[in-house]
Amino acid sequence: MNAVVLNQPDVSQQNHQIAYEFAAKAVAGVEKVVELNLQTVKTSLSEQQALVDAALSSGSLGQIFDLQFQQVPAAIKKTCAYWGHVEDIAVDVHNDFTSVVQDSLQSYLSSLFSLLDGAAWIGIVSTDRTNITSPLAIEQPPAPSNEPVVIVDSSGNVVSSSPRANLH
């Protein structure tokens, strides 16, 4: 008796690898955001130091107010630039996650197709289907016949027995 057993690939190792890749991509994104925030704080401190020096060297209270009002457009531009960088980082992390998902899906599909190819090969080689123990064995479809098609309803009564050529 010929018994064929198809082994299913071990996906637990693949799942651990995928989880590690996701975590690595997420940590890389967090590192980029931390670096951006650190650079922003350094820049902000140096700008505040320059503003304090300018305010202390100003001659009147009006000059101090003018100095503060001149900083509003620059602050808006800096804020927009900051969030633009955050968006770039988010897009990069999203693209990294997408590549991990695509790679893992490709791996799963190639494993599945190799498993199905093995099952199809077993179904073609073995003519005695009782020896196949795999539920994935693929049977060959019956050969087409030239007999007329009979259409039956749900209770088994013949509705039409016209040949295929006459069906519109």
N, C-alpha and C. Protein backbone atom coordinates (compact mmCIF):
# COMPACT_ATOMS: atom_id res chain seq x y z
N MET A 1 0.84 -1.17 0.00
CA MET A 1 0.00 0.00 0.00
C MET A 1 0.89 1.24 0.00
N ASN A 2 0.69 2.11 -0.94
CA ASN A 2 1.47 3.34 -1.07
C ASN A 2 0.77 4.47 -0.36
N ALA A 3 1.31 4.93 0.73
CA ALA A 3 0.74 6.06 1.46
C ALA A 3 1.66 7.26 1.29
N VAL A 4 1.08 8.37 0.94
CA VAL A 4 1.84 9.59 0.74
C VAL A 4 1.34 10.62 1.74
N VAL A 5 2.25 11.17 2.49
CA VAL A 5 1.88 12.19 3.47
C VAL A 5 2.60 13.48 3.08
N LEU A 6 1.83 14.54 2.91
CA LEU A 6 2.40 15.84 2.59
C LEU A 6 2.66 16.58 3.88
N ASN A 7 3.86 17.04 4.06
CA ASN A 7 4.21 17.78 5.27
C ASN A 7 3.91 19.24 5.08
N GLN A 8 3.18 19.80 6.04
CA GLN A 8 2.88 21.22 6.01
C GLN A 8 4.10 21.98 6.51
N PRO A 9 4.47 23.08 5.85
CA PRO A 9 5.65 23.82 6.29
C PRO A 9 5.45 24.40 7.68
N ASP A 10 6.53 24.52 8.43
CA ASP A 10 6.48 25.07 9.78
C ASP A 10 6.39 26.59 9.68
N VAL A 11 5.22 27.13 9.97
CA VAL A 11 5.00 28.57 9.83
C VAL A 11 5.29 29.33 11.12
N SER A 12 5.49 28.61 12.24
CA SER A 12 5.75 29.32 13.49
C SER A 12 7.08 30.07 13.42
N GLN A 13 8.09 29.46 12.82
CA GLN A 13 9.38 30.15 12.65
C GLN A 13 9.22 31.37 11.76
N GLN A 14 8.41 31.24 10.69
CA GLN A 14 8.17 32.37 9.81
C GLN A 14 7.44 33.49 10.55
N ASN A 15 6.49 33.13 11.40
CA ASN A 15 5.74 34.13 12.16
C ASN A 15 6.67 34.89 13.11
N HIS A 16 7.60 34.20 13.73
CA HIS A 16 8.55 34.87 14.62
C HIS A 16 9.44 35.81 13.82
N GLN A 17 9.86 35.38 12.65
CA GLN A 17 10.71 36.22 11.81
C GLN A 17 9.95 37.47 11.38
N ILE A 18 8.69 37.32 10.99
CA ILE A 18 7.88 38.46 10.56
C ILE A 18 7.66 39.42 11.72
N ALA A 19 7.38 38.89 12.90
CA ALA A 19 7.18 39.75 14.07
C ALA A 19 8.46 40.52 14.39
N TYR A 20 9.61 39.85 14.26
CA TYR A 20 10.88 40.53 14.49
C TYR A 20 11.09 41.64 13.47
N GLU A 21 10.79 41.38 12.21
CA GLU A 21 10.97 42.40 11.17
C GLU A 21 10.06 43.59 11.41
N PHE A 22 8.80 43.34 11.81
CA PHE A 22 7.90 44.44 12.14
C PHE A 22 8.45 45.27 13.30
N ALA A 23 8.93 44.58 14.33
CA ALA A 23 9.46 45.30 15.50
C ALA A 23 10.69 46.12 15.12
N ALA A 24 11.55 45.54 14.28
CA ALA A 24 12.75 46.27 13.86
C ALA A 24 12.38 47.51 13.05
N LYS A 25 11.40 47.40 12.18
CA LYS A 25 10.97 48.56 11.38
C LYS A 25 10.33 49.62 12.27
N ALA A 26 9.54 49.19 13.26
CA ALA A 26 8.90 50.14 14.17
C ALA A 26 9.93 50.87 15.02
N VAL A 27 10.92 50.13 15.52
CA VAL A 27 11.96 50.75 16.34
C VAL A 27 12.78 51.74 15.50
N ALA A 28 13.04 51.39 14.25
CA ALA A 28 13.77 52.31 13.37
C ALA A 28 12.98 53.60 13.17
N GLY A 29 11.67 53.50 13.02
CA GLY A 29 10.83 54.69 12.89
C GLY A 29 10.84 55.53 14.16
N VAL A 30 10.77 54.88 15.31
CA VAL A 30 10.81 55.61 16.59
C VAL A 30 12.16 56.29 16.75
N GLU A 31 13.23 55.62 16.36
CA GLU A 31 14.56 56.24 16.44
C GLU A 31 14.63 57.50 15.59
N LYS A 32 14.05 57.46 14.40
CA LYS A 32 14.06 58.64 13.53
C LYS A 32 13.28 59.79 14.17
N VAL A 33 12.15 59.48 14.78
CA VAL A 33 11.34 60.53 15.43
C VAL A 33 12.10 61.11 16.63
N VAL A 34 12.77 60.24 17.39
CA VAL A 34 13.56 60.72 18.54
C VAL A 34 14.69 61.63 18.07
N GLU A 35 15.38 61.23 16.98
CA GLU A 35 16.45 62.07 16.43
C GLU A 35 15.90 63.42 15.97
N LEU A 36 14.73 63.40 15.32
CA LEU A 36 14.12 64.65 14.87
C LEU A 36 13.77 65.53 16.07
N ASN A 37 13.20 64.93 17.10
CA ASN A 37 12.83 65.71 18.29
C ASN A 37 14.07 66.27 18.99
N LEU A 38 15.13 65.48 19.05
CA LEU A 38 16.36 65.96 19.67
C LEU A 38 16.94 67.14 18.89
N GLN A 39 16.94 67.02 17.58
CA GLN A 39 17.44 68.13 16.75
C GLN A 39 16.54 69.36 16.91
N THR A 40 15.25 69.17 17.03
CA THR A 40 14.31 70.29 17.20
C THR A 40 14.55 71.00 18.53
N VAL A 41 14.77 70.22 19.58
CA VAL A 41 15.03 70.83 20.89
C VAL A 41 16.34 71.60 20.87
N LYS A 42 17.39 71.04 20.26
CA LYS A 42 18.67 71.74 20.18
C LYS A 42 18.52 73.06 19.43
N THR A 43 17.83 73.01 18.29
CA THR A 43 17.62 74.22 17.48
C THR A 43 16.79 75.23 18.25
N SER A 44 15.76 74.77 18.91
CA SER A 44 14.89 75.67 19.67
C SER A 44 15.65 76.35 20.81
N LEU A 45 16.49 75.61 21.51
CA LEU A 45 17.27 76.21 22.60
C LEU A 45 18.24 77.28 22.08
N SER A 46 18.90 76.98 20.97
CA SER A 46 19.84 77.98 20.43
C SER A 46 19.09 79.21 19.93
N GLU A 47 17.90 79.02 19.34
CA GLU A 47 17.12 80.17 18.88
C GLU A 47 16.61 81.00 20.07
N GLN A 48 16.20 80.32 21.12
CA GLN A 48 15.73 81.04 22.31
C GLN A 48 16.87 81.82 22.96
N GLN A 49 18.05 81.25 22.94
CA GLN A 49 19.22 81.98 23.47
C GLN A 49 19.48 83.24 22.66
N ALA A 50 19.36 83.12 21.33
CA ALA A 50 19.57 84.29 20.47
C ALA A 50 18.48 85.33 20.71
N LEU A 51 17.24 84.89 20.93
CA LEU A 51 16.14 85.83 21.20
C LEU A 51 16.35 86.54 22.54
N VAL A 52 16.81 85.81 23.54
CA VAL A 52 17.06 86.43 24.85
C VAL A 52 18.18 87.46 24.73
N ASP A 53 19.24 87.11 24.01
CA ASP A 53 20.34 88.07 23.82
C ASP A 53 19.85 89.31 23.07
N ALA A 54 19.01 89.13 22.06
CA ALA A 54 18.48 90.27 21.30
C ALA A 54 17.56 91.11 22.17
N ALA A 55 16.76 90.45 23.02
CA ALA A 55 15.84 91.20 23.90
C ALA A 55 16.62 91.99 24.94
N LEU A 56 17.69 91.42 25.46
CA LEU A 56 18.49 92.12 26.47
C LEU A 56 19.26 93.29 25.87
N SER A 57 19.60 93.17 24.59
CA SER A 57 20.35 94.26 23.96
C SER A 57 19.43 95.31 23.34
N SER A 58 18.14 95.09 23.37
CA SER A 58 17.22 96.07 22.78
C SER A 58 17.11 97.28 23.70
N GLY A 59 16.77 98.41 23.08
CA GLY A 59 16.71 99.66 23.83
C GLY A 59 15.34 99.96 24.40
N SER A 60 14.26 99.36 23.85
CA SER A 60 12.93 99.71 24.34
C SER A 60 12.04 98.48 24.37
N LEU A 61 10.93 98.67 25.06
CA LEU A 61 9.94 97.58 25.16
C LEU A 61 9.28 97.33 23.82
N GLY A 62 9.14 98.33 22.99
CA GLY A 62 8.55 98.18 21.65
C GLY A 62 9.40 97.29 20.76
N GLN A 63 10.73 97.39 20.89
CA GLN A 63 11.61 96.54 20.09
C GLN A 63 11.47 95.06 20.51
N ILE A 64 11.25 94.84 21.79
CA ILE A 64 11.07 93.45 22.28
C ILE A 64 9.78 92.87 21.70
N PHE A 65 8.69 93.67 21.69
CA PHE A 65 7.43 93.19 21.11
C PHE A 65 7.58 92.96 19.61
N ASP A 66 8.27 93.84 18.93
CA ASP A 66 8.50 93.66 17.49
C ASP A 66 9.30 92.38 17.22
N LEU A 67 10.27 92.13 18.07
CA LEU A 67 11.08 90.92 17.93
C LEU A 67 10.22 89.66 18.08
N GLN A 68 9.30 89.68 19.03
CA GLN A 68 8.42 88.54 19.24
C GLN A 68 7.46 88.36 18.07
N PHE A 69 6.90 89.44 17.56
CA PHE A 69 5.95 89.35 16.44
C PHE A 69 6.65 88.90 15.15
N GLN A 70 7.92 89.23 15.01
CA GLN A 70 8.67 88.79 13.83
C GLN A 70 8.91 87.28 13.85
N GLN A 71 8.85 86.68 15.03
CA GLN A 71 9.10 85.24 15.15
C GLN A 71 7.89 84.38 14.79
N VAL A 72 6.70 84.98 14.71
CA VAL A 72 5.48 84.20 14.44
C VAL A 72 5.53 83.53 13.06
N PRO A 73 5.82 84.21 11.96
CA PRO A 73 5.87 83.51 10.67
C PRO A 73 6.95 82.42 10.63
N ALA A 74 8.09 82.70 11.28
CA ALA A 74 9.15 81.69 11.31
C ALA A 74 8.71 80.47 12.11
N ALA A 75 8.00 80.69 13.20
CA ALA A 75 7.53 79.58 14.02
C ALA A 75 6.53 78.71 13.24
N ILE A 76 5.67 79.37 12.46
CA ILE A 76 4.71 78.62 11.64
C ILE A 76 5.44 77.77 10.61
N LYS A 77 6.44 78.35 9.96
CA LYS A 77 7.23 77.60 8.96
C LYS A 77 7.96 76.42 9.61
N LYS A 78 8.51 76.64 10.78
CA LYS A 78 9.23 75.57 11.48
C LYS A 78 8.28 74.44 11.88
N THR A 79 7.08 74.83 12.33
CA THR A 79 6.10 73.82 12.72
C THR A 79 5.69 72.98 11.52
N CYS A 80 5.44 73.63 10.39
CA CYS A 80 5.06 72.90 9.17
C CYS A 80 6.21 72.00 8.71
N ALA A 81 7.44 72.48 8.80
CA ALA A 81 8.59 71.67 8.41
C ALA A 81 8.74 70.45 9.32
N TYR A 82 8.53 70.66 10.63
CA TYR A 82 8.62 69.56 11.59
C TYR A 82 7.61 68.47 11.24
N TRP A 83 6.35 68.86 11.04
CA TRP A 83 5.32 67.86 10.75
C TRP A 83 5.52 67.23 9.36
N GLY A 84 6.14 67.96 8.46
CA GLY A 84 6.50 67.37 7.17
C GLY A 84 7.52 66.25 7.35
N HIS A 85 8.50 66.48 8.24
CA HIS A 85 9.49 65.43 8.53
C HIS A 85 8.83 64.24 9.21
N VAL A 86 7.93 64.51 10.14
CA VAL A 86 7.21 63.41 10.81
C VAL A 86 6.42 62.61 9.78
N GLU A 87 5.79 63.29 8.85
CA GLU A 87 5.02 62.59 7.81
C GLU A 87 5.95 61.74 6.94
N ASP A 88 7.12 62.26 6.59
CA ASP A 88 8.08 61.48 5.80
C ASP A 88 8.50 60.22 6.54
N ILE A 89 8.74 60.35 7.84
CA ILE A 89 9.11 59.19 8.64
C ILE A 89 7.98 58.18 8.68
N ALA A 90 6.75 58.66 8.85
CA ALA A 90 5.59 57.76 8.88
C ALA A 90 5.42 57.04 7.55
N VAL A 91 5.63 57.73 6.45
CA VAL A 91 5.52 57.10 5.13
C VAL A 91 6.61 56.05 4.96
N ASP A 92 7.82 56.35 5.41
CA ASP A 92 8.91 55.37 5.31
C ASP A 92 8.59 54.11 6.12
N VAL A 93 8.09 54.30 7.35
CA VAL A 93 7.75 53.15 8.18
C VAL A 93 6.61 52.36 7.55
N HIS A 94 5.63 53.06 7.01
CA HIS A 94 4.52 52.37 6.33
C HIS A 94 5.03 51.56 5.14
N ASN A 95 5.92 52.13 4.35
CA ASN A 95 6.49 51.40 3.22
C ASN A 95 7.31 50.19 3.69
N ASP A 96 8.04 50.35 4.79
CA ASP A 96 8.78 49.22 5.33
C ASP A 96 7.84 48.11 5.79
N PHE A 97 6.76 48.49 6.48
CA PHE A 97 5.77 47.49 6.91
C PHE A 97 5.16 46.79 5.70
N THR A 98 4.86 47.57 4.66
CA THR A 98 4.26 46.99 3.45
C THR A 98 5.21 45.99 2.81
N SER A 99 6.49 46.31 2.78
CA SER A 99 7.45 45.38 2.18
C SER A 99 7.55 44.09 3.00
N VAL A 100 7.47 44.21 4.33
CA VAL A 100 7.49 43.01 5.18
C VAL A 100 6.26 42.15 4.90
N VAL A 101 5.10 42.79 4.79
CA VAL A 101 3.87 42.04 4.51
C VAL A 101 3.95 41.39 3.13
N GLN A 102 4.44 42.10 2.14
CA GLN A 102 4.56 41.53 0.80
C GLN A 102 5.53 40.35 0.80
N ASP A 103 6.66 40.50 1.48
CA ASP A 103 7.63 39.41 1.52
C ASP A 103 7.06 38.18 2.22
N SER A 104 6.36 38.40 3.34
CA SER A 104 5.79 37.26 4.06
C SER A 104 4.67 36.61 3.27
N LEU A 105 3.87 37.41 2.59
CA LEU A 105 2.81 36.85 1.75
C LEU A 105 3.41 36.05 0.61
N GLN A 106 4.46 36.57 0.01
CA GLN A 106 5.14 35.83 -1.06
C GLN A 106 5.68 34.51 -0.54
N SER A 107 6.24 34.52 0.65
CA SER A 107 6.76 33.29 1.25
C SER A 107 5.64 32.28 1.51
N TYR A 108 4.53 32.76 2.07
CA TYR A 108 3.40 31.87 2.33
C TYR A 108 2.84 31.29 1.02
N LEU A 109 2.72 32.14 0.01
CA LEU A 109 2.17 31.67 -1.26
C LEU A 109 3.10 30.67 -1.94
N SER A 110 4.40 30.92 -1.88
CA SER A 110 5.32 29.96 -2.50
C SER A 110 5.28 28.63 -1.75
N SER A 111 5.15 28.66 -0.42
CA SER A 111 5.00 27.42 0.34
C SER A 111 3.71 26.70 -0.03
N LEU A 112 2.64 27.47 -0.14
CA LEU A 112 1.35 26.88 -0.49
C LEU A 112 1.39 26.28 -1.89
N PHE A 113 1.97 27.01 -2.84
CA PHE A 113 2.02 26.50 -4.21
C PHE A 113 2.91 25.27 -4.31
N SER A 114 4.01 25.24 -3.57
CA SER A 114 4.85 24.04 -3.60
C SER A 114 4.11 22.86 -2.98
N LEU A 115 3.34 23.11 -1.94
CA LEU A 115 2.53 22.06 -1.32
C LEU A 115 1.47 21.57 -2.29
N LEU A 116 0.81 22.49 -2.97
CA LEU A 116 -0.22 22.10 -3.94
C LEU A 116 0.38 21.42 -5.16
N ASP A 117 1.56 21.87 -5.59
CA ASP A 117 2.21 21.20 -6.71
C ASP A 117 2.54 19.76 -6.36
N GLY A 118 3.01 19.54 -5.14
CA GLY A 118 3.28 18.18 -4.69
C GLY A 118 2.02 17.35 -4.65
N ALA A 119 0.91 17.95 -4.21
CA ALA A 119 -0.36 17.22 -4.16
C ALA A 119 -0.86 16.91 -5.56
N ALA A 120 -0.70 17.84 -6.48
CA ALA A 120 -1.15 17.61 -7.86
C ALA A 120 -0.30 16.52 -8.50
N TRP A 121 0.99 16.52 -8.23
CA TRP A 121 1.87 15.50 -8.77
C TRP A 121 1.48 14.13 -8.25
N ILE A 122 1.14 14.04 -6.98
CA ILE A 122 0.70 12.76 -6.40
C ILE A 122 -0.59 12.30 -7.05
N GLY A 123 -1.51 13.23 -7.29
CA GLY A 123 -2.78 12.86 -7.92
C GLY A 123 -2.61 12.38 -9.34
N ILE A 124 -1.61 12.91 -10.05
CA ILE A 124 -1.38 12.50 -11.43
C ILE A 124 -0.67 11.16 -11.48
N VAL A 125 0.31 10.94 -10.61
CA VAL A 125 1.10 9.71 -10.65
C VAL A 125 0.28 8.52 -10.17
N SER A 126 -0.48 8.70 -9.12
CA SER A 126 -1.22 7.59 -8.54
C SER A 126 -2.56 7.43 -9.23
N THR A 127 -2.81 6.22 -9.73
CA THR A 127 -4.10 5.95 -10.35
C THR A 127 -5.06 5.36 -9.34
N ASP A 128 -4.55 4.82 -8.26
CA ASP A 128 -5.39 4.25 -7.21
C ASP A 128 -5.56 5.31 -6.13
N ARG A 129 -6.70 6.02 -6.12
CA ARG A 129 -6.92 7.14 -5.21
C ARG A 129 -7.11 6.70 -3.76
N THR A 130 -7.28 5.44 -3.52
CA THR A 130 -7.43 4.98 -2.14
C THR A 130 -6.11 5.00 -1.39
N ASN A 131 -4.98 5.07 -2.10
CA ASN A 131 -3.68 5.09 -1.45
C ASN A 131 -3.24 6.49 -1.06
N ILE A 132 -3.95 7.50 -1.44
CA ILE A 132 -3.56 8.88 -1.15
C ILE A 132 -4.14 9.27 0.19
N THR A 133 -3.28 9.68 1.09
CA THR A 133 -3.74 10.04 2.44
C THR A 133 -3.86 11.55 2.62
N SER A 134 -3.45 12.32 1.64
CA SER A 134 -3.48 13.77 1.78
C SER A 134 -4.84 14.31 1.34
N PRO A 135 -5.40 15.26 2.09
CA PRO A 135 -6.65 15.89 1.64
C PRO A 135 -6.42 16.87 0.50
N LEU A 136 -5.15 17.12 0.16
CA LEU A 136 -4.86 18.07 -0.89
C LEU A 136 -4.68 17.42 -2.26
N ALA A 137 -4.92 16.12 -2.36
CA ALA A 137 -4.76 15.44 -3.65
C ALA A 137 -5.80 15.99 -4.62
N ILE A 138 -5.35 16.28 -5.82
CA ILE A 138 -6.23 16.87 -6.82
C ILE A 138 -6.61 15.80 -7.83
N GLU A 139 -7.89 15.63 -8.02
CA GLU A 139 -8.37 14.63 -8.98
C GLU A 139 -8.48 15.26 -10.35
N GLN A 140 -8.28 14.44 -11.37
CA GLN A 140 -8.43 14.90 -12.74
C GLN A 140 -9.92 15.02 -13.07
N PRO A 141 -10.33 16.08 -13.75
CA PRO A 141 -11.74 16.23 -14.11
C PRO A 141 -12.12 15.17 -15.15
N PRO A 142 -13.39 14.79 -15.21
CA PRO A 142 -13.82 13.80 -16.19
C PRO A 142 -13.68 14.36 -17.60
N ALA A 143 -13.46 13.47 -18.53
CA ALA A 143 -13.31 13.88 -19.93
C ALA A 143 -14.64 14.43 -20.45
N PRO A 144 -14.58 15.47 -21.28
CA PRO A 144 -15.83 16.04 -21.80
C PRO A 144 -16.52 15.04 -22.74
N SER A 145 -17.83 15.07 -22.69
CA SER A 145 -18.61 14.18 -23.56
C SER A 145 -19.44 15.03 -24.52
N ASN A 146 -19.88 14.40 -25.60
CA ASN A 146 -20.69 15.10 -26.59
C ASN A 146 -22.18 14.86 -26.39
N GLU A 147 -22.56 14.36 -25.22
CA GLU A 147 -23.97 14.12 -24.94
C GLU A 147 -24.66 15.45 -24.63
N PRO A 148 -25.97 15.53 -24.90
CA PRO A 148 -26.69 16.79 -24.62
C PRO A 148 -26.74 17.08 -23.13
N VAL A 149 -26.81 18.35 -22.83
CA VAL A 149 -26.87 18.81 -21.44
C VAL A 149 -28.31 18.75 -20.97
N VAL A 150 -28.50 18.22 -19.78
CA VAL A 150 -29.83 18.15 -19.20
C VAL A 150 -29.86 19.09 -18.01
N ILE A 151 -30.83 19.99 -17.99
CA ILE A 151 -30.97 20.94 -16.90
C ILE A 151 -32.11 20.47 -16.02
N VAL A 152 -31.83 20.33 -14.70
CA VAL A 152 -32.85 19.87 -13.76
C VAL A 152 -33.06 20.94 -12.70
N ASP A 153 -34.27 20.96 -12.12
CA ASP A 153 -34.54 21.89 -11.03
C ASP A 153 -34.12 21.26 -9.71
N SER A 154 -34.40 21.96 -8.59
CA SER A 154 -33.94 21.50 -7.29
C SER A 154 -34.60 20.20 -6.84
N SER A 155 -35.77 19.87 -7.39
CA SER A 155 -36.43 18.61 -7.02
C SER A 155 -36.06 17.47 -7.94
N GLY A 156 -35.23 17.69 -8.97
CA GLY A 156 -34.76 16.64 -9.85
C GLY A 156 -35.56 16.49 -11.13
N ASN A 157 -36.54 17.36 -11.38
CA ASN A 157 -37.32 17.28 -12.62
C ASN A 157 -36.55 17.91 -13.76
N VAL A 158 -36.61 17.28 -14.94
CA VAL A 158 -35.91 17.78 -16.11
C VAL A 158 -36.60 19.04 -16.61
N VAL A 159 -35.85 20.12 -16.71
CA VAL A 159 -36.39 21.37 -17.20
C VAL A 159 -36.12 21.50 -18.69
N SER A 160 -34.90 21.13 -19.10
CA SER A 160 -34.53 21.25 -20.51
C SER A 160 -33.51 20.18 -20.82
N SER A 161 -33.58 19.67 -22.01
CA SER A 161 -32.59 18.68 -22.42
C SER A 161 -32.03 19.04 -23.79
N SER A 162 -31.98 20.34 -24.08
CA SER A 162 -31.50 20.78 -25.38
C SER A 162 -29.98 20.66 -25.44
N PRO A 163 -29.43 20.46 -26.61
CA PRO A 163 -27.97 20.37 -26.74
C PRO A 163 -27.31 21.71 -26.42
N ARG A 164 -26.02 21.68 -26.13
CA ARG A 164 -25.27 22.88 -25.75
C ARG A 164 -25.30 23.94 -26.83
N ALA A 165 -25.27 23.57 -28.06
CA ALA A 165 -25.21 24.54 -29.14
C ALA A 165 -26.45 25.42 -29.20
N ASN A 166 -27.56 24.92 -28.73
CA ASN A 166 -28.81 25.68 -28.78
C ASN A 166 -28.99 26.59 -27.57
N LEU A 167 -28.12 26.53 -26.59
CA LEU A 167 -28.27 27.39 -25.41
C LEU A 167 -27.80 28.79 -25.75
N HIS A 168 -28.59 29.77 -25.40
CA HIS A 168 -28.23 31.16 -25.69
C HIS A 168 -28.05 31.90 -24.42
